[in-house]
N, C-alpha and C. Protein backbone atom coordinates (compact mmCIF):
# COMPACT_ATOMS: atom_id res chain seq x y z
N UNK A 1 2.00 5.68 3.05
CA UNK A 1 0.72 6.30 2.85
C UNK A 1 -0.40 5.26 2.91
N UNK A 2 -0.26 4.19 2.15
CA UNK A 2 -1.28 3.15 2.12
C UNK A 2 -1.33 2.41 3.45
N UNK A 3 -0.16 2.18 4.05
CA UNK A 3 -0.13 1.49 5.34
C UNK A 3 -0.76 2.34 6.43
N UNK A 4 -0.60 3.66 6.35
CA UNK A 4 -1.24 4.55 7.31
C UNK A 4 -2.76 4.47 7.18
N UNK A 5 -3.25 4.40 5.95
CA UNK A 5 -4.69 4.27 5.72
C UNK A 5 -5.20 2.95 6.31
N UNK A 6 -4.48 1.86 6.08
CA UNK A 6 -4.91 0.57 6.61
C UNK A 6 -4.89 0.58 8.14
N UNK A 7 -3.88 1.20 8.72
CA UNK A 7 -3.79 1.29 10.18
C UNK A 7 -4.98 2.09 10.72
N UNK A 8 -5.31 3.21 10.08
CA UNK A 8 -6.44 4.03 10.53
C UNK A 8 -7.75 3.27 10.41
N UNK A 9 -7.91 2.54 9.30
CA UNK A 9 -9.13 1.75 9.11
C UNK A 9 -9.24 0.65 10.16
N UNK A 10 -8.12 0.00 10.46
CA UNK A 10 -8.14 -1.06 11.47
C UNK A 10 -8.50 -0.51 12.84
N UNK A 11 -7.93 0.64 13.20
CA UNK A 11 -8.25 1.25 14.49
C UNK A 11 -9.72 1.66 14.54
N UNK A 12 -10.22 2.25 13.46
CA UNK A 12 -11.63 2.65 13.41
C UNK A 12 -12.55 1.45 13.57
N UNK A 13 -12.27 0.37 12.84
CA UNK A 13 -13.14 -0.80 12.90
C UNK A 13 -13.03 -1.53 14.23
N UNK A 14 -11.86 -1.51 14.85
CA UNK A 14 -11.75 -2.14 16.17
C UNK A 14 -12.42 -1.30 17.25
N UNK A 15 -12.49 0.01 17.05
CA UNK A 15 -13.18 0.88 18.00
C UNK A 15 -14.69 0.85 17.80
N UNK A 16 -15.14 0.45 16.62
CA UNK A 16 -16.57 0.40 16.29
C UNK A 16 -16.93 -0.99 15.78
N UNK A 17 -17.09 -1.96 16.68
CA UNK A 17 -17.34 -3.34 16.24
C UNK A 17 -18.68 -3.51 15.53
N UNK A 18 -19.67 -2.68 15.84
CA UNK A 18 -20.96 -2.80 15.16
C UNK A 18 -20.82 -2.48 13.68
N UNK A 19 -20.08 -1.42 13.37
CA UNK A 19 -19.85 -1.05 11.96
C UNK A 19 -19.05 -2.15 11.26
N UNK A 20 -18.05 -2.70 11.94
CA UNK A 20 -17.25 -3.78 11.35
C UNK A 20 -18.12 -5.00 11.08
N UNK A 21 -19.02 -5.32 12.00
CA UNK A 21 -19.91 -6.47 11.83
C UNK A 21 -20.85 -6.24 10.65
N UNK A 22 -21.42 -5.04 10.54
CA UNK A 22 -22.34 -4.74 9.45
C UNK A 22 -21.61 -4.82 8.10
N UNK A 23 -20.40 -4.25 8.03
CA UNK A 23 -19.64 -4.34 6.78
C UNK A 23 -19.30 -5.78 6.43
N UNK A 24 -18.95 -6.58 7.43
CA UNK A 24 -18.67 -7.99 7.20
C UNK A 24 -19.88 -8.75 6.69
N UNK A 25 -21.04 -8.47 7.25
CA UNK A 25 -22.27 -9.12 6.81
C UNK A 25 -22.60 -8.71 5.38
N UNK A 26 -22.43 -7.43 5.06
CA UNK A 26 -22.70 -6.96 3.70
C UNK A 26 -21.80 -7.67 2.69
N UNK A 27 -20.52 -7.79 3.01
CA UNK A 27 -19.59 -8.47 2.11
C UNK A 27 -19.98 -9.94 1.95
N UNK A 28 -20.33 -10.61 3.06
CA UNK A 28 -20.74 -12.01 2.97
C UNK A 28 -22.02 -12.18 2.15
N UNK A 29 -22.96 -11.25 2.29
CA UNK A 29 -24.19 -11.32 1.51
C UNK A 29 -23.87 -11.17 0.02
N UNK A 30 -23.01 -10.22 -0.31
CA UNK A 30 -22.63 -10.06 -1.71
C UNK A 30 -21.93 -11.31 -2.24
N UNK A 31 -21.05 -11.92 -1.44
CA UNK A 31 -20.38 -13.14 -1.88
C UNK A 31 -21.38 -14.28 -2.06
N UNK A 32 -22.42 -14.30 -1.25
CA UNK A 32 -23.41 -15.37 -1.35
C UNK A 32 -24.30 -15.20 -2.58
N UNK A 33 -24.80 -13.97 -2.81
CA UNK A 33 -25.75 -13.75 -3.88
C UNK A 33 -25.10 -13.47 -5.23
N UNK A 34 -23.93 -12.90 -5.25
CA UNK A 34 -23.24 -12.60 -6.52
C UNK A 34 -21.77 -13.03 -6.40
N UNK A 35 -21.53 -14.33 -6.31
CA UNK A 35 -20.15 -14.78 -6.09
C UNK A 35 -19.21 -14.49 -7.26
N UNK A 36 -19.72 -14.60 -8.48
CA UNK A 36 -18.86 -14.39 -9.64
C UNK A 36 -18.34 -12.95 -9.69
N UNK A 37 -19.22 -11.99 -9.49
CA UNK A 37 -18.82 -10.59 -9.51
C UNK A 37 -17.90 -10.24 -8.35
N UNK A 38 -18.19 -10.81 -7.18
CA UNK A 38 -17.37 -10.51 -6.00
C UNK A 38 -15.96 -11.11 -6.14
N UNK A 39 -15.85 -12.30 -6.72
CA UNK A 39 -14.52 -12.86 -6.93
C UNK A 39 -13.74 -12.07 -7.98
N UNK A 40 -14.45 -11.55 -8.98
CA UNK A 40 -13.80 -10.67 -9.95
C UNK A 40 -13.31 -9.40 -9.26
N UNK A 41 -14.15 -8.84 -8.39
CA UNK A 41 -13.78 -7.63 -7.66
C UNK A 41 -12.60 -7.91 -6.73
N UNK A 42 -12.62 -9.05 -6.05
CA UNK A 42 -11.52 -9.40 -5.16
C UNK A 42 -10.21 -9.58 -5.94
N UNK A 43 -10.30 -10.22 -7.10
CA UNK A 43 -9.10 -10.40 -7.93
C UNK A 43 -8.58 -9.05 -8.42
N UNK A 44 -9.48 -8.16 -8.80
CA UNK A 44 -9.09 -6.83 -9.25
C UNK A 44 -8.42 -6.04 -8.13
N UNK A 45 -8.99 -6.11 -6.94
CA UNK A 45 -8.41 -5.40 -5.78
C UNK A 45 -7.03 -5.96 -5.46
N UNK A 46 -6.86 -7.27 -5.52
CA UNK A 46 -5.55 -7.86 -5.27
C UNK A 46 -4.54 -7.44 -6.34
N UNK A 47 -4.99 -7.36 -7.59
CA UNK A 47 -4.11 -6.92 -8.67
C UNK A 47 -3.68 -5.47 -8.46
N UNK A 48 -4.61 -4.60 -8.12
CA UNK A 48 -4.29 -3.20 -7.88
C UNK A 48 -3.35 -3.06 -6.68
N UNK A 49 -3.57 -3.85 -5.63
CA UNK A 49 -2.69 -3.81 -4.47
C UNK A 49 -1.28 -4.26 -4.84
N UNK A 50 -1.17 -5.28 -5.68
CA UNK A 50 0.15 -5.76 -6.10
C UNK A 50 0.86 -4.71 -6.96
N UNK A 51 0.13 -4.06 -7.85
CA UNK A 51 0.72 -3.00 -8.68
C UNK A 51 1.18 -1.84 -7.80
N UNK A 52 0.34 -1.44 -6.85
CA UNK A 52 0.70 -0.35 -5.94
C UNK A 52 1.95 -0.71 -5.13
N UNK A 53 2.02 -1.97 -4.67
CA UNK A 53 3.19 -2.41 -3.92
C UNK A 53 4.45 -2.35 -4.78
N UNK A 54 4.36 -2.79 -6.01
CA UNK A 54 5.52 -2.77 -6.90
C UNK A 54 5.96 -1.33 -7.20
N UNK A 55 5.00 -0.42 -7.39
CA UNK A 55 5.34 0.97 -7.66
C UNK A 55 6.03 1.59 -6.45
N UNK A 56 5.51 1.36 -5.25
CA UNK A 56 6.15 1.92 -4.06
C UNK A 56 7.53 1.31 -3.83
N UNK A 57 7.68 0.03 -4.12
CA UNK A 57 8.98 -0.61 -3.99
C UNK A 57 9.98 -0.01 -4.97
N UNK A 58 9.54 0.20 -6.20
CA UNK A 58 10.39 0.79 -7.23
C UNK A 58 10.74 2.24 -6.89
N UNK A 59 9.78 3.00 -6.38
CA UNK A 59 10.02 4.39 -6.01
C UNK A 59 11.01 4.46 -4.85
N UNK A 60 10.92 3.54 -3.90
CA UNK A 60 11.87 3.51 -2.79
C UNK A 60 13.27 3.20 -3.27
N UNK A 61 13.39 2.33 -4.24
CA UNK A 61 14.69 2.00 -4.81
C UNK A 61 15.29 3.22 -5.51
N UNK A 62 14.46 3.94 -6.25
CA UNK A 62 14.95 5.13 -6.96
C UNK A 62 15.41 6.21 -5.98
N UNK A 63 14.66 6.42 -4.91
CA UNK A 63 15.05 7.47 -3.97
C UNK A 63 16.33 7.09 -3.24
N UNK A 64 16.51 5.81 -2.94
CA UNK A 64 17.74 5.38 -2.29
C UNK A 64 18.92 5.56 -3.22
N UNK A 65 18.75 5.21 -4.50
CA UNK A 65 19.83 5.36 -5.47
C UNK A 65 20.21 6.82 -5.68
N UNK A 66 19.24 7.70 -5.77
CA UNK A 66 19.56 9.12 -5.98
C UNK A 66 20.20 9.72 -4.74
N UNK A 67 19.80 9.26 -3.56
CA UNK A 67 20.41 9.75 -2.33
C UNK A 67 21.89 9.33 -2.26
N UNK A 68 22.17 8.09 -2.63
CA UNK A 68 23.56 7.62 -2.62
C UNK A 68 24.38 8.35 -3.68
N UNK A 69 23.79 8.66 -4.81
CA UNK A 69 24.48 9.39 -5.86
C UNK A 69 24.85 10.79 -5.35
N UNK A 70 23.92 11.46 -4.69
CA UNK A 70 24.21 12.79 -4.14
C UNK A 70 25.34 12.73 -3.11
N UNK A 71 25.35 11.72 -2.29
CA UNK A 71 26.42 11.58 -1.29
C UNK A 71 27.77 11.37 -1.98
N UNK A 72 27.79 10.59 -3.03
CA UNK A 72 29.05 10.34 -3.74
C UNK A 72 29.55 11.61 -4.43
N UNK A 73 28.63 12.43 -4.95
CA UNK A 73 29.03 13.69 -5.58
C UNK A 73 29.71 14.58 -4.57
N UNK A 74 29.11 14.70 -3.38
CA UNK A 74 29.72 15.55 -2.35
C UNK A 74 31.06 14.98 -1.87
N UNK A 75 31.18 13.67 -1.78
CA UNK A 75 32.46 13.07 -1.38
C UNK A 75 33.52 13.34 -2.45
N UNK A 76 33.13 13.26 -3.72
CA UNK A 76 34.09 13.53 -4.80
C UNK A 76 34.54 14.99 -4.78
N UNK A 77 33.65 15.90 -4.50
CA UNK A 77 34.01 17.32 -4.43
C UNK A 77 34.97 17.57 -3.27
N UNK A 78 34.76 16.90 -2.17
CA UNK A 78 35.65 17.05 -1.02
C UNK A 78 37.05 16.55 -1.35
N UNK A 79 37.15 15.43 -2.07
CA UNK A 79 38.44 14.88 -2.43
C UNK A 79 39.16 15.80 -3.43
N UNK A 80 38.43 16.36 -4.37
CA UNK A 80 39.03 17.26 -5.38
C UNK A 80 39.54 18.52 -4.71
N UNK A 81 38.81 19.05 -3.74
CA UNK A 81 39.21 20.30 -3.08
C UNK A 81 40.42 20.11 -2.19
N UNK A 82 40.68 18.91 -1.73
CA UNK A 82 41.83 18.69 -0.83
C UNK A 82 43.14 18.64 -1.55
């Protein structure tokens, strides 16, 4: 989900270089005039991205484990019925 959003944003910005340039200039201006707040914002965004990554990684592990458990249940039922 998040990777799809990033892919869409990258395609949009590469198709519209003027908008990408304006956004880049705005970010640079904010970093120049308010560096302390922007570094705090950047650190917060990195923290949120790391938390989101860990949650998706954990959710993927859970879904894989439950899928394997379901497969083992069906295999056990097949062995019992034989």
